[in-house]
Amino acid sequence: MSDDTLLDVDLSGSKVPGVAPVRGKGGAPAFFSAWDLHAYYGESYIVQGVSFDIREGEIVALLGRNGAGKTSTMRTIARADNPALMHGEIWLDHKPVHEMKSHEAAQIGIGLVPEDRRIIQGLTVEENLKLARIAPPHGWSIERIYDLFPRLGERRTQEGTTLSGGEQQMLAIGRTLARDIKLLLLDEPYEGLAPVIVQEIERTLEEIKELGITTIIVEQNAIAALHLADRAIILDMGHIVFDGVSQEVLDNADLRQQYLAI
């Protein structure tokens, strides 16, 4: 379930508002760039002029209160059907993602791990992983995924939907890594997990960070996300209100209280 509150606006006969895109230095796209994104659920205006760049290998925490637009921004980047991107550009490794459908974005390397994990019912752990590798481009081998998540290897013949919440999160991440990804999108990876399992997922994400996988993480556990990320972007009512190094947010109690309520 999305955390985003819908904001109603009148779109009758008018163009979606827009401003000139924020481009990288020299006018060239960064490894990943979102330029002036405006996205809607029907007539409800959710993502309101979001622009940011990400360097290759950087981890960005996309933060904000419930309803700030985090999940919607993530889904817009992944080219999900909803919300609908009405204005703006999305670039990954010099490819125009904004012109693509979700399956095309996945093929060029955008891997979304959704909050609800979407483990396929009736398939074992290994069958879920094999299905992710059914068509190229392939990413990690199944054995490499088991090396990262030994618990999945132990449960390879167990039906995926019968795993614990933490194990399902491991499977969802592993399934995404089975594809050749350039941008990993993690939506609430700690949601509903016991503290001991959160620590295990944190260790996994630290390993992913060491591998240099470019990542955007949306997480209500903002402190955990900030410790993992290189940079923080804070959304408020669909707008970016902060874009800077994570440590600055950790050090600024007023900023955290105002926009994150922590």
Protein backbone atom coordinates (compact mmCIF):
# COMPACT_ATOMS: atom_id res chain seq x y z
CA MET A 1 0.00 0.00 0.00
CA SER A 2 1.48 3.34 -1.00
CA ASP A 3 2.29 5.80 1.75
CA ASP A 4 1.31 8.70 -0.47
CA THR A 5 -1.62 11.00 0.18
CA LEU A 6 -3.44 12.21 -2.94
CA LEU A 7 -3.57 15.94 -3.63
CA ASP A 8 -6.51 17.00 -5.80
CA VAL A 9 -6.04 19.66 -8.46
CA ASP A 10 -8.08 20.85 -11.44
CA LEU A 11 -6.47 19.75 -14.70
CA SER A 12 -9.29 20.86 -16.99
CA GLY A 13 -7.86 22.22 -20.21
CA SER A 14 -4.48 23.15 -18.74
CA LYS A 15 -1.02 21.81 -19.32
CA VAL A 16 0.91 20.21 -16.52
CA PRO A 17 3.10 22.89 -14.89
CA GLY A 18 6.79 22.57 -15.60
CA VAL A 19 10.09 24.37 -15.34
CA ALA A 20 13.37 23.89 -17.13
CA PRO A 21 14.99 20.59 -16.11
CA VAL A 22 17.92 20.62 -13.72
CA ARG A 23 20.77 19.09 -15.68
CA GLY A 24 24.21 17.91 -14.66
CA LYS A 25 27.25 20.10 -15.14
CA GLY A 26 28.07 20.66 -18.80
CA GLY A 27 24.46 19.88 -19.79
CA ALA A 28 25.00 16.10 -19.82
CA PRO A 29 22.91 13.65 -17.82
CA ALA A 30 24.39 12.14 -14.67
CA PHE A 31 24.42 8.33 -14.33
CA PHE A 32 20.84 8.74 -13.15
CA SER A 33 18.82 11.93 -13.53
CA ALA A 34 15.26 12.88 -12.74
CA TRP A 35 14.38 16.23 -14.30
CA ASP A 36 11.26 18.12 -13.25
CA LEU A 37 8.98 15.11 -12.68
CA HIS A 38 5.23 15.70 -12.38
CA ALA A 39 3.10 12.59 -11.83
CA TYR A 40 -0.60 12.02 -11.13
CA TYR A 41 -3.04 9.40 -9.91
CA GLY A 42 -5.94 10.37 -12.13
CA GLU A 43 -6.45 14.06 -11.38
CA SER A 44 -4.57 13.87 -8.09
CA TYR A 45 -1.22 15.65 -8.26
CA ILE A 46 1.44 13.66 -6.36
CA VAL A 47 4.98 14.25 -7.64
CA GLN A 48 5.40 17.99 -8.04
CA GLY A 49 8.52 19.04 -9.92
CA VAL A 50 11.05 16.58 -8.45
CA SER A 51 14.60 16.88 -9.84
CA PHE A 52 17.80 15.17 -8.70
CA ASP A 53 20.91 13.45 -10.03
CA ILE A 54 22.73 10.37 -8.71
CA ARG A 55 26.34 9.43 -9.31
CA GLU A 56 27.18 5.85 -10.21
CA GLY A 57 27.64 3.77 -7.06
CA GLU A 58 25.92 6.32 -4.82
CA ILE A 59 23.23 5.33 -2.32
CA VAL A 60 20.47 7.88 -1.81
CA ALA A 61 17.90 7.80 1.00
CA LEU A 62 14.58 9.25 -0.20
CA LEU A 63 12.85 10.34 2.98
CA GLY A 64 9.79 12.20 4.24
CA ARG A 65 6.69 11.84 6.34
CA ASN A 66 3.81 9.57 5.32
CA GLY A 67 2.15 11.12 2.28
CA ALA A 68 5.25 13.04 1.19
CA GLY A 69 5.40 11.33 -2.22
CA LYS A 70 8.28 8.89 -1.68
CA THR A 71 6.67 5.72 -3.02
CA SER A 72 5.09 7.61 -5.90
CA THR A 73 8.45 9.06 -6.91
CA MET A 74 9.97 5.58 -6.78
CA ARG A 75 7.15 4.12 -8.89
CA THR A 76 7.47 6.98 -11.37
CA ILE A 77 11.16 6.21 -11.81
CA ALA A 78 10.39 2.51 -12.34
CA ARG A 79 7.75 3.55 -14.96
CA ALA A 80 4.87 1.85 -13.19
CA ASP A 81 1.46 2.56 -14.71
CA ASN A 82 0.49 4.59 -11.63
CA PRO A 83 1.21 7.33 -10.96
CA ALA A 84 1.25 8.56 -14.57
CA LEU A 85 4.25 10.68 -15.54
CA MET A 86 2.78 13.76 -17.22
CA HIS A 87 5.88 15.94 -17.48
CA GLY A 88 9.62 15.54 -17.02
CA GLU A 89 12.50 13.31 -18.00
CA ILE A 90 14.20 10.28 -16.45
CA TRP A 91 17.64 9.19 -17.66
CA LEU A 92 19.71 6.16 -16.69
CA ASP A 93 23.17 5.71 -18.17
CA HIS A 94 22.24 8.07 -21.05
CA LYS A 95 19.02 6.18 -21.87
CA PRO A 96 15.63 8.00 -21.79
CA VAL A 97 13.63 6.00 -19.25
CA HIS A 98 10.70 8.44 -19.43
CA GLU A 99 9.92 7.10 -22.91
CA MET A 100 9.68 3.50 -21.65
CA LYS A 101 7.10 1.16 -20.14
CA SER A 102 7.91 -0.62 -16.88
CA HIS A 103 9.16 -3.82 -18.57
CA GLU A 104 11.45 -1.79 -20.83
CA ALA A 105 12.84 0.10 -17.83
CA ALA A 106 13.52 -3.26 -16.17
CA GLN A 107 15.32 -4.49 -19.27
CA ILE A 108 17.74 -1.55 -19.25
CA GLY A 109 18.57 -2.06 -15.59
CA ILE A 110 16.01 -0.55 -13.18
CA GLY A 111 15.23 -3.06 -10.45
CA LEU A 112 12.37 -2.26 -8.06
CA VAL A 113 11.96 -4.18 -4.80
CA PRO A 114 8.38 -3.18 -3.85
CA GLU A 115 7.14 -2.82 -0.30
CA ASP A 116 4.77 -5.79 -0.68
CA ARG A 117 7.64 -7.97 -2.09
CA ARG A 118 5.33 -9.73 -4.59
CA ILE A 119 6.63 -13.24 -4.05
CA ILE A 120 4.90 -15.52 -6.55
CA GLN A 121 2.52 -17.93 -4.86
CA GLY A 122 2.99 -21.63 -5.60
CA LEU A 123 6.67 -21.29 -6.57
CA THR A 124 9.62 -22.33 -4.42
CA VAL A 125 12.43 -19.98 -3.49
CA GLU A 126 14.57 -21.35 -6.29
CA GLU A 127 11.74 -21.21 -8.83
CA ASN A 128 11.17 -17.54 -7.96
CA LEU A 129 14.85 -16.87 -8.63
CA LYS A 130 14.91 -18.92 -11.84
CA LEU A 131 11.87 -17.07 -13.14
CA ALA A 132 13.71 -13.76 -12.67
CA ARG A 133 16.48 -15.14 -14.90
CA ILE A 134 14.20 -16.57 -17.59
CA ALA A 135 15.14 -13.85 -20.10
CA PRO A 136 18.30 -11.80 -20.52
CA PRO A 137 19.97 -9.65 -19.37
CA HIS A 138 21.02 -11.89 -16.48
CA GLY A 139 22.57 -10.64 -13.28
CA TRP A 140 23.80 -12.66 -10.34
CA SER A 141 23.81 -16.43 -10.49
CA ILE A 142 21.50 -18.28 -8.10
CA GLU A 143 24.49 -19.63 -6.19
CA ARG A 144 25.86 -16.12 -5.72
CA ILE A 145 22.49 -15.05 -4.33
CA TYR A 146 22.62 -17.98 -1.92
CA ASP A 147 26.10 -16.87 -0.86
CA LEU A 148 24.65 -13.45 0.00
CA PHE A 149 21.56 -14.99 1.64
CA PRO A 150 22.52 -18.42 3.05
CA ARG A 151 19.04 -18.75 4.56
CA LEU A 152 17.54 -18.76 1.07
CA GLY A 153 19.86 -21.58 0.09
CA GLU A 154 18.66 -23.58 3.08
CA ARG A 155 15.05 -23.01 2.00
CA ARG A 156 15.47 -23.32 -1.75
CA THR A 157 12.72 -25.95 -2.05
CA GLN A 158 10.26 -24.14 0.26
CA GLU A 159 7.36 -22.20 -1.22
CA GLY A 160 8.33 -18.54 -1.25
CA THR A 161 5.10 -17.21 0.25
CA THR A 162 5.56 -19.43 3.35
CA LEU A 163 8.86 -17.77 4.30
CA SER A 164 9.09 -15.36 7.21
CA GLY A 165 8.84 -11.64 6.44
CA GLY A 166 12.59 -11.19 6.62
CA GLU A 167 13.22 -14.17 4.37
CA GLN A 168 10.69 -12.88 1.86
CA GLN A 169 12.54 -9.56 1.82
CA MET A 170 15.78 -11.43 1.13
CA LEU A 171 14.08 -13.30 -1.70
CA ALA A 172 12.68 -10.08 -3.17
CA ILE A 173 16.13 -8.48 -3.14
CA GLY A 174 17.77 -11.65 -4.48
CA ARG A 175 15.20 -11.91 -7.28
CA THR A 176 16.02 -8.34 -8.33
CA LEU A 177 19.78 -9.01 -8.25
CA ALA A 178 19.18 -11.98 -10.56
CA ARG A 179 18.61 -9.37 -13.25
CA ASP A 180 21.42 -7.21 -14.63
CA ILE A 181 20.54 -4.03 -12.73
CA LYS A 182 22.09 -0.58 -12.88
CA LEU A 183 19.74 1.11 -10.40
CA LEU A 184 18.30 -0.69 -7.36
CA LEU A 185 15.09 0.79 -5.92
CA LEU A 186 14.27 -0.42 -2.40
CA ASP A 187 10.81 0.52 -1.10
CA GLU A 188 10.55 0.09 2.69
CA PRO A 189 12.97 -2.87 3.02
CA TYR A 190 12.64 -2.89 6.84
CA GLU A 191 8.85 -2.64 6.92
CA GLY A 192 7.24 -5.03 9.42
CA LEU A 193 10.47 -6.81 10.33
CA ALA A 194 11.71 -7.64 13.81
CA PRO A 195 14.78 -5.64 14.96
CA VAL A 196 17.07 -8.67 14.70
CA ILE A 197 15.96 -9.23 11.08
CA VAL A 198 16.36 -5.53 10.31
CA GLN A 199 19.99 -5.84 11.39
CA GLU A 200 20.43 -8.79 9.04
CA ILE A 201 18.94 -6.86 6.11
CA GLU A 202 21.15 -3.88 7.03
CA ARG A 203 24.24 -6.09 6.79
CA THR A 204 23.08 -7.26 3.37
CA LEU A 205 22.57 -3.70 2.17
CA GLU A 206 26.04 -2.78 3.44
CA GLU A 207 27.41 -5.57 1.26
CA ILE A 208 25.45 -4.24 -1.70
CA LYS A 209 26.88 -0.79 -0.97
CA GLU A 210 30.43 -2.18 -0.99
CA LEU A 211 29.70 -3.69 -4.42
CA GLY A 212 28.96 -0.20 -5.74
CA ILE A 213 25.36 -0.79 -6.83
CA THR A 214 23.62 2.55 -7.38
CA THR A 215 20.63 2.54 -5.03
CA ILE A 216 17.63 4.61 -3.94
CA ILE A 217 16.10 3.54 -0.64
CA VAL A 218 12.71 4.69 0.65
CA GLU A 219 12.40 3.89 4.33
CA GLN A 220 10.34 5.07 7.30
CA ASN A 221 13.22 4.00 9.56
CA ALA A 222 15.01 7.17 8.52
CA ILE A 223 17.95 6.83 10.91
CA ALA A 224 18.83 3.38 9.57
CA ALA A 225 18.55 4.63 5.99
CA LEU A 226 20.69 7.69 6.73
CA HIS A 227 23.47 5.55 8.21
CA LEU A 228 23.47 3.45 5.04
CA ALA A 229 23.16 6.24 2.46
CA ASP A 230 25.73 8.66 1.09
CA ARG A 231 23.09 11.30 0.46
CA ALA A 232 19.60 12.19 1.62
CA ILE A 233 16.73 13.71 -0.31
CA ILE A 234 13.72 14.79 1.76
CA LEU A 235 10.28 15.20 0.20
CA ASP A 236 7.41 17.19 1.62
CA MET A 237 4.02 17.22 -0.14
CA GLY A 238 5.57 16.12 -3.43
CA HIS A 239 8.42 18.65 -3.38
CA ILE A 240 12.11 18.27 -2.55
CA VAL A 241 12.90 20.33 0.55
CA PHE A 242 16.42 19.01 1.21
CA ASP A 243 19.16 17.43 -0.91
CA GLY A 244 22.52 16.93 0.76
CA VAL A 245 24.84 14.55 2.57
CA SER A 246 23.20 12.13 5.00
CA GLN A 247 25.35 13.21 7.91
CA GLU A 248 23.91 16.73 7.70
CA VAL A 249 20.44 15.32 8.42
CA LEU A 250 21.77 13.16 11.25
CA ASP A 251 23.40 16.26 12.77
CA ASN A 252 20.43 18.60 12.32
CA ALA A 253 17.73 17.86 14.89
CA ASP A 254 15.53 20.76 13.72
CA LEU A 255 15.52 19.47 10.14
CA ARG A 256 14.66 15.94 11.27
CA GLN A 257 11.84 17.17 13.49
CA GLN A 258 10.36 19.44 10.85
CA TYR A 259 10.28 16.98 7.95
CA LEU A 260 10.78 13.51 9.44
CA ALA A 261 9.22 13.87 12.92
CA ILE A 262 12.25 12.20 14.56
